[in-house]
């Protein structure tokens, strides 16, 4: 992905979708459990599920759970740590939230 300001690129990086929140249903769904997502969007998110299974960490191996902001925040932070992410990013819609990890962030330098 490339970020830009006033049509001028300034940052590049790779995204991994962590999961999504349905505000109307008040639920979280891990991206690894969302069959509608392409594998390219998932990166290595299955590693987070395996980490949860190996360490008996609640919510990480569950496909989804009831939406509680604190629980979603914790799940995001653990996912970022397990996958050694550079950052977190969330995008809101009318009925939901999409959550991503940012990897390999690099500034865009002018070639001129």
Protein backbone atom coordinates (compact mmCIF):
# COMPACT_ATOMS: atom_id res chain seq x y z
CA UNK A 1 0.00 0.00 0.00
CA UNK A 2 1.15 3.55 -0.67
CA UNK A 3 0.05 6.54 1.38
CA UNK A 4 0.04 9.98 -0.19
CA UNK A 5 -0.72 13.61 0.57
CA UNK A 6 -1.92 15.90 -2.20
CA UNK A 7 -1.20 13.08 -4.72
CA UNK A 8 2.43 12.82 -3.54
CA UNK A 9 3.42 9.39 -2.12
CA UNK A 10 5.24 9.55 1.21
CA UNK A 11 5.03 6.04 2.74
CA UNK A 12 4.76 2.43 1.58
CA UNK A 13 4.02 -0.73 3.49
CA UNK A 14 2.14 -3.99 3.56
CA UNK A 15 -1.25 -4.58 5.21
CA UNK A 16 -2.54 -7.66 7.00
CA UNK A 17 -6.22 -7.67 7.81
CA UNK A 18 -6.72 -8.66 11.46
CA UNK A 19 -10.48 -8.75 11.64
CA UNK A 20 -13.71 -6.82 11.49
CA UNK A 21 -16.40 -5.57 13.83
CA UNK A 22 -20.11 -5.54 13.06
CA UNK A 23 -21.55 -2.74 15.17
CA UNK A 24 -25.16 -3.78 14.51
CA UNK A 25 -24.49 -7.38 15.59
CA UNK A 26 -21.89 -6.32 18.22
CA UNK A 27 -19.43 -9.01 17.08
CA UNK A 28 -15.77 -9.38 16.13
CA UNK A 29 -14.69 -11.78 13.36
CA UNK A 30 -11.04 -12.72 12.87
CA UNK A 31 -9.90 -12.36 9.28
CA UNK A 32 -8.65 -15.98 9.26
CA UNK A 33 -12.27 -17.06 9.89
CA UNK A 34 -13.75 -14.81 7.19
CA UNK A 35 -14.14 -16.96 4.07
CA UNK A 36 -14.94 -13.94 1.89
CA UNK A 37 -11.43 -12.47 2.20
CA UNK A 38 -8.69 -13.25 -0.32
CA UNK A 39 -5.61 -14.98 1.06
CA UNK A 40 -3.46 -12.00 0.02
CA UNK A 41 -5.25 -9.87 2.65
CA UNK A 42 -4.56 -12.36 5.43
CA UNK A 43 -0.77 -12.43 5.45
CA UNK A 44 0.31 -14.72 8.28
CA UNK A 45 -2.73 -14.05 10.53
CA UNK A 46 -3.18 -17.81 11.10
CA UNK A 47 -0.04 -17.58 13.25
CA UNK A 48 -2.04 -15.50 15.75
CA UNK A 49 -4.65 -18.28 16.01
CA UNK A 50 -1.90 -20.90 16.48
CA UNK A 51 -0.25 -18.72 19.16
CA UNK A 52 -3.58 -18.55 21.01
CA UNK A 53 -3.98 -22.33 20.80
CA UNK A 54 -0.41 -23.04 21.93
CA UNK A 55 -0.56 -20.63 24.89
CA UNK A 56 -4.21 -21.17 25.85
CA UNK A 57 -4.87 -17.47 25.19
CA UNK A 58 -8.63 -16.76 25.09
CA UNK A 59 -10.21 -15.16 22.01
CA UNK A 60 -7.20 -15.69 19.69
CA UNK A 61 -8.27 -19.16 18.50
CA UNK A 62 -12.00 -18.34 18.50
CA UNK A 63 -13.40 -17.40 15.04
CA UNK A 64 -15.35 -14.57 16.63
CA UNK A 65 -16.54 -13.13 19.91
CA UNK A 66 -18.92 -10.53 21.33
CA UNK A 67 -17.70 -7.01 20.64
CA UNK A 68 -16.20 -5.35 23.69
CA UNK A 69 -13.84 -2.47 22.82
CA UNK A 70 -11.30 -3.50 25.47
CA UNK A 71 -11.23 -7.08 24.21
CA UNK A 72 -10.82 -5.99 20.59
CA UNK A 73 -7.99 -3.65 21.64
CA UNK A 74 -6.23 -6.50 23.45
CA UNK A 75 -6.68 -8.89 20.51
CA UNK A 76 -5.25 -6.26 18.14
CA UNK A 77 -2.22 -5.63 20.36
CA UNK A 78 -1.45 -9.32 20.75
CA UNK A 79 -1.80 -9.82 16.98
CA UNK A 80 0.58 -6.90 16.38
CA UNK A 81 3.10 -8.39 18.80
CA UNK A 82 2.88 -11.96 17.44
CA UNK A 83 3.30 -10.74 13.85
CA UNK A 84 5.89 -8.07 14.73
CA UNK A 85 3.86 -5.30 13.09
CA UNK A 86 5.06 -1.74 12.68
CA UNK A 87 1.63 -0.39 13.56
CA UNK A 88 -2.13 -0.76 13.66
CA UNK A 89 -4.76 0.85 11.49
CA UNK A 90 -8.57 0.83 11.70
CA UNK A 91 -11.11 2.09 9.21
CA UNK A 92 -14.72 2.74 10.21
CA UNK A 93 -17.82 2.24 8.09
CA UNK A 94 -21.47 2.94 8.87
CA UNK A 95 -21.97 -0.47 10.47
CA UNK A 96 -18.48 -1.65 11.21
CA UNK A 97 -14.78 -1.40 11.61
CA UNK A 98 -11.97 -2.99 9.62
CA UNK A 99 -8.72 -3.64 11.50
CA UNK A 100 -5.28 -4.00 9.92
CA UNK A 101 -1.64 -4.49 10.84
CA UNK A 102 1.02 -2.41 9.09
CA UNK A 103 4.32 -4.05 8.09
CA UNK A 104 7.52 -2.89 6.42
CA UNK A 105 6.76 0.82 6.55
CA UNK A 106 9.26 2.78 4.46
CA UNK A 107 9.34 6.43 3.50
CA UNK A 108 9.11 7.19 -0.21
CA UNK A 109 12.15 9.12 -1.30
CA UNK A 110 12.22 11.39 -4.32
CA UNK A 111 14.16 9.88 -7.19
CA UNK A 112 14.98 13.35 -8.55
